[in-house]
C-alpha cells in the first residue's frame, strides 16, 4: 500500500513527477495528492454506486485498485482524479446520454457552479471525498425516497429496480435547485403541483398529449395568466375536420365561437373567448418554442378517466379557474372576485405575475403518494426503455448532457391545443 502517511518526501516526489512530465501530460496531471484515506473513500463510493442506480463497473474500481497496488503516486492520483470527475458528472447531470433522453429539453445549470475540478480540489484539501460526491446528488425528497426504495427492493424484482433506476437518473437530469416556488408537471401521473418552499400548495389532474402528439419535457417560465383567451387554430387541427365544417356549415362553426378570414390554404381561424373555447377560460402565459401551454378545457369529462392522454401536446388542467384564482391571488395581486369579474366580461385579459414562475414539465414513472407510499405509473410514451438500456450498457462518457438538442421533435402546430 502507498501513502499510509503522506510526508514531505511523497509530496516532493509527486511534485517532481508533475514538473518533469511533458507539457501535454501536465494538462491532465494531478494537482493535489491522494492519501490512502482519500482513495479508500473513493473506492467505497464506487463500489456503492449501485445505491444510486448506477453501475460500479462504469467507474473502473479494478483500475483504481491496480494503481494503488502499484505504489505509483502519479498513477494513483491520475486514475483517482479521472474516476472522481466522472462520478461528479454522472451524479450531477445524469448517467443517461442525450440520445436516450426522448424529448427531454429541460436545461440544467448545475455544472455552472458544481464543476468537477473545484470539487476535487476542495475534497482533497479537506479529505472529504465521499461527502463531496454526496453533495452533488439531487436534493428533492423524491430522490432520497427512491434510493431508499431501491435499497429495500430485492434483486429478483428486476422490473421494479429498473423503474427506480430510470427515475433516479431523471432527477439527476433536473437542476438541483428548482426554485422557491414552481409548478411541477408529471406527465405519466397526469398531475401538476404548485410548490412553495418545498410544500405542495395545490394539486390538479391534467390531460396530456396523445401517443401521436406526446407532451415534451421542458422548462419554461410563466409570466402571467391569460383569462378569456383566444384560440388560434393550428392548420393540423383544421385538416382534422374544422376546415370542412367552415366550408360546408359556416353557421354551425360560428355557433361554436369560430371566426375566420381567408379560405383554402390562406384560411386563418380563431375561436373567440368563452367557456366553449378549446383553451377554456384561462391559459398560462408561458411562451416557448414548442407551443406547449397549461390551460383550461370545455371537455371536463376527460378528467374522470384514469389514463388521460388526449391532447395535441398541451396540458389541460382540471379546475382551471380555481387554479387561475390561486395564481392570481398569490402572484398577481388579484383576488377571486376580480378574476370572476374579468371572466364574466369575456374580454381577453392578461394578469402579470410579480415574478416569473418556473414550470418543469417532467416525466417520472415512479414517485410517492401523499402518504409516502411508492407508486409507479404507466410509461405512456415508452421513454423508460432507452434509459434502462443506456444504464445497462458500458458507459460512453463522450456523450454529455449539454449536447442535448433543443430542436423539437414535434412541430409547433402539433403541440398546440
Protein backbone atom coordinates (compact mmCIF):
# COMPACT_ATOMS: atom_id res chain seq x y z
CA UNK A 1 0.00 0.00 0.00
CA UNK A 2 1.08 3.58 -0.60
CA UNK A 3 0.56 6.91 1.10
CA UNK A 4 -0.07 5.50 4.57
CA UNK A 5 1.19 8.83 5.80
CA UNK A 6 1.90 11.25 3.00
CA UNK A 7 5.00 13.07 4.17
CA UNK A 8 7.20 15.70 2.60
CA UNK A 9 9.15 13.09 0.63
CA UNK A 10 5.98 11.81 -1.03
CA UNK A 11 4.78 15.30 -1.84
CA UNK A 12 8.17 16.23 -3.28
CA UNK A 13 8.21 13.08 -5.41
CA UNK A 14 4.79 13.84 -6.84
CA UNK A 15 5.71 17.48 -7.48
CA UNK A 16 8.86 16.36 -9.26
CA UNK A 17 6.90 13.94 -11.46
CA UNK A 18 4.48 16.71 -12.38
CA UNK A 19 7.19 19.28 -13.16
CA UNK A 20 9.24 16.87 -15.27
CA UNK A 21 6.29 15.46 -17.21
CA UNK A 22 5.76 16.58 -20.83
CA UNK A 23 3.56 19.64 -21.32
CA UNK A 24 0.69 17.58 -22.75
CA UNK A 25 0.77 15.27 -19.75
CA UNK A 26 0.85 18.21 -17.32
CA UNK A 27 -2.57 19.34 -18.53
CA UNK A 28 -4.09 16.20 -17.02
CA UNK A 29 -1.63 15.94 -14.12
CA UNK A 30 -2.90 15.71 -10.54
CA UNK A 31 -2.80 18.98 -8.63
CA UNK A 32 -3.16 17.57 -5.12
CA UNK A 33 -2.06 14.32 -3.52
CA UNK A 34 -4.44 11.45 -2.83
CA UNK A 35 -3.85 9.80 0.54
CA UNK A 36 -4.81 6.21 1.30
CA UNK A 37 -7.83 7.54 3.21
CA UNK A 38 -8.91 9.56 0.16
CA UNK A 39 -8.61 6.64 -2.27
CA UNK A 40 -10.38 4.43 0.24
CA UNK A 41 -13.35 6.79 0.30
CA UNK A 42 -13.41 6.96 -3.47
CA UNK A 43 -13.22 3.18 -3.88
CA UNK A 44 -16.01 2.70 -1.34
CA UNK A 45 -18.22 5.24 -3.15
CA UNK A 46 -17.62 3.49 -6.48
CA UNK A 47 -18.50 0.10 -5.00
CA UNK A 48 -21.69 1.57 -3.53
CA UNK A 49 -22.71 3.35 -6.75
CA UNK A 50 -25.50 0.79 -7.14
CA UNK A 51 -27.34 2.53 -4.29
CA UNK A 52 -27.80 5.48 -6.67
CA UNK A 53 -28.95 3.24 -9.52
CA UNK A 54 -25.53 3.48 -11.20
CA UNK A 55 -23.22 0.66 -12.27
CA UNK A 56 -19.99 0.45 -10.24
CA UNK A 57 -18.18 -1.05 -13.22
CA UNK A 58 -18.60 2.23 -15.13
CA UNK A 59 -16.09 3.77 -12.72
CA UNK A 60 -13.43 1.07 -13.06
CA UNK A 61 -12.77 0.07 -9.45
CA UNK A 62 -10.25 -2.52 -10.68
CA UNK A 63 -8.18 0.21 -12.32
CA UNK A 64 -8.08 2.17 -9.07
CA UNK A 65 -7.14 -0.91 -7.06
CA UNK A 66 -4.39 -1.73 -9.56
CA UNK A 67 -2.99 1.80 -9.36
CA UNK A 68 -2.99 1.65 -5.56
CA UNK A 69 -1.21 -1.71 -5.60
CA UNK A 70 1.42 -0.39 -8.00
CA UNK A 71 2.73 2.09 -5.45
CA UNK A 72 2.99 4.71 -8.22
CA UNK A 73 1.89 8.05 -6.78
CA UNK A 74 1.28 9.58 -10.18
CA UNK A 75 -0.78 6.60 -11.38
CA UNK A 76 -2.91 6.67 -8.23
CA UNK A 77 -3.68 10.38 -8.47
CA UNK A 78 -4.30 10.37 -12.22
CA UNK A 79 -6.65 7.37 -12.01
CA UNK A 80 -8.46 8.70 -8.94
CA UNK A 81 -8.86 12.17 -10.50
CA UNK A 82 -10.47 10.68 -13.58
CA UNK A 83 -12.86 8.44 -11.63
CA UNK A 84 -13.85 11.22 -9.21
CA UNK A 85 -14.54 13.64 -12.08
CA UNK A 86 -16.69 11.12 -13.93
CA UNK A 87 -18.67 10.36 -10.79
CA UNK A 88 -19.30 14.08 -10.32
CA UNK A 89 -20.58 14.41 -13.89
CA UNK A 90 -22.87 11.38 -13.71
CA UNK A 91 -24.24 12.14 -10.24
CA UNK A 92 -24.69 15.83 -11.05
CA UNK A 93 -26.02 15.64 -14.61
CA UNK A 94 -27.23 12.06 -15.03
CA UNK A 95 -25.68 8.94 -16.47
CA UNK A 96 -28.02 8.67 -19.48
CA UNK A 97 -26.60 10.04 -22.76
CA UNK A 98 -28.51 12.60 -24.80
CA UNK A 99 -29.51 10.00 -27.39
CA UNK A 100 -31.61 8.09 -24.83
CA UNK A 101 -33.44 11.11 -23.41
CA UNK A 102 -36.52 11.22 -25.60
CA UNK A 103 -37.99 14.72 -25.94
CA UNK A 104 -36.20 15.98 -22.82
CA UNK A 105 -35.47 19.70 -23.19
CA UNK A 106 -35.07 20.77 -19.56
CA UNK A 107 -31.98 22.90 -19.03
CA UNK A 108 -29.70 22.01 -16.14
CA UNK A 109 -27.20 24.63 -14.97
CA UNK A 110 -25.67 22.59 -12.11
CA UNK A 111 -22.35 22.30 -13.96
CA UNK A 112 -22.03 26.10 -13.84
CA UNK A 113 -21.36 26.07 -10.11
CA UNK A 114 -20.62 22.42 -9.23
CA UNK A 115 -17.71 21.89 -11.59
CA UNK A 116 -15.62 18.81 -11.09
CA UNK A 117 -12.14 20.34 -10.70
CA UNK A 118 -13.24 22.75 -7.98
CA UNK A 119 -14.99 19.94 -6.12
CA UNK A 120 -11.91 17.72 -6.47
CA UNK A 121 -9.52 20.35 -5.12
CA UNK A 122 -11.83 21.09 -2.20
CA UNK A 123 -12.41 17.41 -1.41
CA UNK A 124 -8.70 16.61 -1.42
CA UNK A 125 -7.77 19.62 0.70
CA UNK A 126 -10.42 18.64 3.26
CA UNK A 127 -10.09 14.85 2.78
CA UNK A 128 -13.86 14.73 2.20
CA UNK A 129 -14.16 12.65 -0.98
CA UNK A 130 -17.32 10.78 0.00
CA UNK A 131 -19.17 13.85 1.28
CA UNK A 132 -18.15 15.89 -1.79
CA UNK A 133 -19.72 13.29 -4.08
CA UNK A 134 -22.78 13.08 -1.84
CA UNK A 135 -23.17 16.85 -2.06
CA UNK A 136 -23.84 16.81 -5.82
CA UNK A 137 -26.79 14.40 -5.60
CA UNK A 138 -30.30 15.80 -6.18
CA UNK A 139 -31.87 17.35 -3.08
CA UNK A 140 -35.54 16.74 -3.90
CA UNK A 141 -37.17 14.42 -1.30
CA UNK A 142 -38.38 12.04 -4.04
CA UNK A 143 -34.78 11.25 -4.97
CA UNK A 144 -33.88 10.19 -1.43
CA UNK A 145 -37.11 8.21 -1.17
CA UNK A 146 -36.36 6.41 -4.45
CA UNK A 147 -32.89 5.49 -3.18
CA UNK A 148 -34.44 4.03 -0.03
CA UNK A 149 -37.00 2.13 -2.11
CA UNK A 150 -34.25 0.72 -4.33
CA UNK A 151 -32.33 -0.43 -1.26
CA UNK A 152 -35.29 -2.45 0.05
CA UNK A 153 -36.28 -3.87 -3.34
CA UNK A 154 -34.84 -7.38 -3.83
CA UNK A 155 -32.52 -8.03 -6.76
CA UNK A 156 -35.03 -10.58 -8.07
CA UNK A 157 -37.56 -7.79 -8.77
CA UNK A 158 -35.69 -6.51 -11.79
CA UNK A 159 -38.66 -4.67 -13.30
CA UNK A 160 -39.21 -2.50 -10.23
CA UNK A 161 -35.49 -1.92 -9.72
CA UNK A 162 -35.09 -0.79 -13.32
CA UNK A 163 -38.03 1.61 -12.98
CA UNK A 164 -36.47 3.12 -9.87
CA UNK A 165 -33.06 3.40 -11.54
CA UNK A 166 -34.57 5.24 -14.51
CA UNK A 167 -36.33 7.74 -12.28
CA UNK A 168 -33.31 8.30 -10.06
CA UNK A 169 -31.41 9.30 -13.18
CA UNK A 170 -34.22 11.58 -14.34
CA UNK A 171 -33.91 13.51 -11.09
CA UNK A 172 -30.23 13.96 -11.93
CA UNK A 173 -31.21 15.46 -15.28
CA UNK A 174 -33.08 18.25 -13.48
CA UNK A 175 -31.48 21.26 -11.79
CA UNK A 176 -30.78 20.53 -8.11
CA UNK A 177 -32.49 23.79 -7.16
CA UNK A 178 -35.93 24.05 -8.76
CA UNK A 179 -36.61 27.37 -7.04
CA UNK A 180 -38.56 28.58 -4.02
CA UNK A 181 -41.80 28.23 -5.97
CA UNK A 182 -42.56 26.35 -9.12
CA UNK A 183 -45.05 24.17 -10.97
CA UNK A 184 -44.00 20.56 -11.46
CA UNK A 185 -45.94 18.65 -14.10
CA UNK A 186 -45.59 14.86 -14.12
CA UNK A 187 -46.91 13.62 -17.44
CA UNK A 188 -47.27 9.84 -16.70
CA UNK A 189 -49.04 10.64 -13.42
CA UNK A 190 -51.44 13.04 -15.17
CA UNK A 191 -50.95 15.62 -12.41
CA UNK A 192 -49.39 19.01 -11.78
CA UNK A 193 -48.39 20.51 -8.47
CA UNK A 194 -47.75 24.05 -7.32
CA UNK A 195 -44.89 24.01 -4.82
CA UNK A 196 -43.72 26.76 -2.48
CA UNK A 197 -40.75 26.38 -0.15
CA UNK A 198 -40.87 22.61 -0.51
CA UNK A 199 -44.58 22.38 0.32
CA UNK A 200 -47.26 21.40 -2.21
CA UNK A 201 -49.83 24.21 -2.29
CA UNK A 202 -52.14 22.74 -4.93
CA UNK A 203 -52.52 19.54 -6.96
CA UNK A 204 -54.53 19.31 -10.17
CA UNK A 205 -55.39 16.48 -12.51
CA UNK A 206 -54.31 17.07 -16.09
CA UNK A 207 -54.79 15.80 -19.63
CA UNK A 208 -51.60 15.36 -21.66
CA UNK A 209 -50.63 14.61 -25.26
CA UNK A 210 -51.72 11.53 -27.15
CA UNK A 211 -49.08 8.99 -28.15
CA UNK A 212 -49.05 10.53 -31.66
CA UNK A 213 -48.61 14.04 -30.25
CA UNK A 214 -46.67 13.46 -26.99
CA UNK A 215 -46.05 16.21 -24.49
CA UNK A 216 -42.33 17.02 -24.46
CA UNK A 217 -40.40 17.61 -21.26
CA UNK A 218 -39.20 21.18 -20.91
CA UNK A 219 -38.67 24.04 -18.51
CA UNK A 220 -40.32 27.38 -19.10
CA UNK A 221 -41.24 30.42 -17.03
CA UNK A 222 -44.84 31.57 -16.74
CA UNK A 223 -45.05 35.35 -16.91
CA UNK A 224 -48.73 35.52 -16.02
CA UNK A 225 -52.18 34.06 -16.57
CA UNK A 226 -54.44 34.93 -19.51
CA UNK A 227 -58.17 34.98 -18.81
CA UNK A 228 -60.71 34.56 -21.63
CA UNK A 229 -58.03 33.55 -24.16
CA UNK A 230 -58.48 33.39 -27.90
CA UNK A 231 -57.52 30.12 -29.54
CA UNK A 232 -55.74 30.37 -32.87
CA UNK A 233 -56.45 27.05 -34.51
CA UNK A 234 -53.36 25.31 -35.97
CA UNK A 235 -53.56 24.02 -39.52
CA UNK A 236 -53.15 20.42 -38.39
CA UNK A 237 -56.45 20.69 -36.48
CA UNK A 238 -58.17 22.49 -39.36
CA UNK A 239 -57.28 19.50 -41.50
CA UNK A 240 -58.93 17.16 -38.99
CA UNK A 241 -62.39 18.46 -39.83
CA UNK A 242 -62.92 22.02 -38.69
CA UNK A 243 -61.90 23.38 -42.08
CA UNK A 244 -64.56 21.20 -43.72
CA UNK A 245 -67.21 22.44 -41.26
CA UNK A 246 -66.35 26.06 -42.02
CA UNK A 247 -66.72 25.40 -45.75
CA UNK A 248 -69.93 23.37 -45.59
CA UNK A 249 -71.73 24.67 -42.50
CA UNK A 250 -70.37 28.10 -41.51
CA UNK A 251 -73.35 28.80 -39.26
CA UNK A 252 -72.50 25.80 -37.07
CA UNK A 253 -68.88 26.94 -36.87
CA UNK A 254 -69.94 30.45 -35.82
CA UNK A 255 -72.26 28.99 -33.17
CA UNK A 256 -69.20 27.37 -31.61
CA UNK A 257 -67.43 30.70 -31.46
CA UNK A 258 -65.18 30.42 -34.52
CA UNK A 259 -64.24 33.42 -36.64
CA UNK A 260 -62.06 33.29 -39.73
CA UNK A 261 -60.51 35.09 -42.62
CA UNK A 262 -59.39 33.79 -46.00
CA UNK A 263 -60.10 30.38 -47.47
CA UNK A 264 -58.29 27.28 -48.65
CA UNK A 265 -54.56 27.43 -47.92
CA UNK A 266 -54.93 31.00 -46.59
CA UNK A 267 -57.69 30.12 -44.10
CA UNK A 268 -56.96 31.56 -40.63
CA UNK A 269 -59.27 30.62 -37.78
CA UNK A 270 -59.59 31.67 -34.17
CA UNK A 271 -62.08 30.70 -31.51
CA UNK A 272 -63.40 33.64 -29.53
CA UNK A 273 -63.22 33.74 -25.72
CA UNK A 274 -65.83 31.90 -23.72
CA UNK A 275 -66.50 28.64 -21.84
CA UNK A 276 -66.70 26.69 -25.14
CA UNK A 277 -63.26 27.87 -26.23
CA UNK A 278 -60.83 24.95 -26.64
CA UNK A 279 -58.48 26.71 -24.19
CA UNK A 280 -61.37 27.21 -21.79
CA UNK A 281 -61.36 30.28 -19.62
CA UNK A 282 -57.65 30.53 -18.86
CA UNK A 283 -54.17 29.65 -20.00
CA UNK A 284 -50.76 30.39 -18.56
CA UNK A 285 -48.62 32.87 -20.44
CA UNK A 286 -45.61 30.54 -20.81
CA UNK A 287 -44.10 31.29 -24.20
CA UNK A 288 -41.82 28.56 -25.52
CA UNK A 289 -40.63 27.26 -28.91
CA UNK A 290 -42.80 24.14 -28.61
CA UNK A 291 -46.12 25.99 -28.19
CA UNK A 292 -46.93 23.95 -25.09
CA UNK A 293 -49.34 25.60 -22.67
CA UNK A 294 -51.17 24.81 -19.45
CA UNK A 295 -54.81 25.73 -19.98
CA UNK A 296 -58.48 25.10 -19.24
CA UNK A 297 -60.76 22.94 -21.40
CA UNK A 298 -64.51 22.59 -22.00
CA UNK A 299 -64.09 18.79 -22.11
CA UNK A 300 -64.38 18.32 -18.35
CA UNK A 301 -65.47 14.67 -18.61
CA UNK A 302 -61.98 13.58 -19.63
CA UNK A 303 -60.69 14.28 -16.12
CA UNK A 304 -62.70 11.31 -14.87
CA UNK A 305 -60.58 8.91 -16.94
CA UNK A 306 -57.68 7.14 -15.26
CA UNK A 307 -55.48 7.44 -18.37
CA UNK A 308 -55.72 10.99 -19.69
CA UNK A 309 -53.65 11.24 -22.86
CA UNK A 310 -55.96 13.02 -25.31
CA UNK A 311 -54.45 16.39 -26.25
CA UNK A 312 -52.29 17.58 -29.14
CA UNK A 313 -49.44 18.07 -26.65
CA UNK A 314 -50.67 20.86 -24.39
CA UNK A 315 -51.66 20.31 -20.77
CA UNK A 316 -55.33 20.69 -19.93
CA UNK A 317 -55.99 21.39 -16.26
CA UNK A 318 -58.84 20.26 -14.03
CA UNK A 319 -60.48 23.06 -12.02
CA UNK A 320 -58.53 25.53 -14.11
CA UNK A 321 -60.47 28.60 -12.94
CA UNK A 322 -59.75 27.67 -9.32
CA UNK A 323 -56.08 27.30 -10.26
CA UNK A 324 -56.13 30.68 -12.04
CA UNK A 325 -57.60 32.35 -8.96
CA UNK A 326 -54.91 30.85 -6.73
CA UNK A 327 -52.12 32.00 -9.06
CA UNK A 328 -53.66 35.46 -9.48
CA UNK A 329 -54.02 35.95 -5.73
CA UNK A 330 -50.53 34.74 -4.83
CA UNK A 331 -48.52 36.19 -7.70
CA UNK A 332 -50.55 38.92 -9.46
CA UNK A 333 -52.27 40.68 -6.53
CA UNK A 334 -55.76 39.92 -7.83
CA UNK A 335 -58.44 38.33 -5.66
CA UNK A 336 -61.03 35.77 -6.70
CA UNK A 337 -63.75 38.40 -7.16
CA UNK A 338 -61.55 40.31 -9.61
CA UNK A 339 -60.95 37.14 -11.62
CA UNK A 340 -64.69 36.35 -11.67
CA UNK A 341 -65.45 39.86 -12.95
CA UNK A 342 -62.91 39.53 -15.77
CA UNK A 343 -64.25 36.13 -16.78
CA UNK A 344 -67.81 37.45 -16.80
CA UNK A 345 -66.80 40.27 -19.12
CA UNK A 346 -65.50 37.80 -21.76
CA UNK A 347 -62.64 40.18 -22.59
CA UNK A 348 -59.17 38.71 -23.04
CA UNK A 349 -57.09 39.93 -20.07
CA UNK A 350 -53.53 39.18 -19.02
CA UNK A 351 -52.60 39.23 -15.34
CA UNK A 352 -48.85 39.58 -14.99
CA UNK A 353 -47.01 37.81 -12.19
CA UNK A 354 -44.75 39.94 -9.99
CA UNK A 355 -42.02 37.37 -10.67
CA UNK A 356 -41.83 34.71 -13.34
CA UNK A 357 -42.99 31.29 -12.15
CA UNK A 358 -40.77 28.35 -13.21
CA UNK A 359 -42.56 25.37 -14.74
CA UNK A 360 -40.97 21.95 -15.17
CA UNK A 361 -42.82 19.52 -17.41
CA UNK A 362 -41.28 16.24 -16.32
CA UNK A 363 -41.68 12.52 -16.93
CA UNK A 364 -41.46 10.33 -13.82
CA UNK A 365 -42.86 6.81 -13.94
CA UNK A 366 -42.20 6.27 -10.22
CA UNK A 367 -42.97 8.56 -7.30
CA UNK A 368 -44.68 8.63 -3.91
CA UNK A 369 -48.22 9.45 -2.86
CA UNK A 370 -49.23 11.89 -0.13
CA UNK A 371 -48.84 9.15 2.49
CA UNK A 372 -45.31 8.39 1.32
CA UNK A 373 -46.15 5.12 -0.42
CA UNK A 374 -44.23 4.12 -3.55
CA UNK A 375 -46.34 4.30 -6.73
CA UNK A 376 -45.50 3.65 -10.35
CA UNK A 377 -47.22 4.91 -13.49
CA UNK A 378 -47.66 3.55 -16.98
CA UNK A 379 -44.85 4.56 -19.35
CA UNK A 380 -47.34 6.06 -21.79
CA UNK A 381 -44.74 7.17 -24.37
CA UNK A 382 -42.28 4.28 -24.00
CA UNK A 383 -39.49 6.53 -22.71
CA UNK A 384 -38.19 4.24 -19.96
CA UNK A 385 -36.75 1.52 -22.15
CA UNK A 386 -33.98 3.55 -23.85
CA UNK A 387 -32.88 4.85 -20.44
CA UNK A 388 -32.71 1.33 -18.99
CA UNK A 389 -30.73 0.16 -22.00
CA UNK A 390 -28.26 3.01 -21.63
CA UNK A 391 -27.82 2.36 -17.89
CA UNK A 392 -27.08 -1.29 -18.60
CA UNK A 393 -24.52 -0.56 -21.31
CA UNK A 394 -20.89 0.22 -20.67
CA UNK A 395 -20.69 3.97 -20.22
CA UNK A 396 -19.84 6.18 -23.17
CA UNK A 397 -18.76 9.29 -21.38
CA UNK A 398 -18.24 11.21 -24.59
CA UNK A 399 -21.97 11.97 -24.72
CA UNK A 400 -22.61 14.79 -22.27
CA UNK A 401 -26.00 16.20 -21.21
CA UNK A 402 -25.08 19.64 -22.55
CA UNK A 403 -25.17 18.12 -26.02
CA UNK A 404 -28.94 17.70 -25.74
CA UNK A 405 -30.66 19.11 -28.78
CA UNK A 406 -33.11 21.92 -28.23
CA UNK A 407 -34.75 21.21 -31.58
CA UNK A 408 -38.28 19.97 -31.03
CA UNK A 409 -39.25 16.60 -32.43
CA UNK A 410 -42.77 17.91 -32.89
CA UNK A 411 -43.89 20.89 -34.89
CA UNK A 412 -45.42 23.82 -33.07
CA UNK A 413 -48.71 23.12 -34.79
CA UNK A 414 -48.84 19.60 -33.39
CA UNK A 415 -48.17 20.91 -29.90
CA UNK A 416 -50.95 23.46 -29.85
CA UNK A 417 -54.21 22.59 -28.14
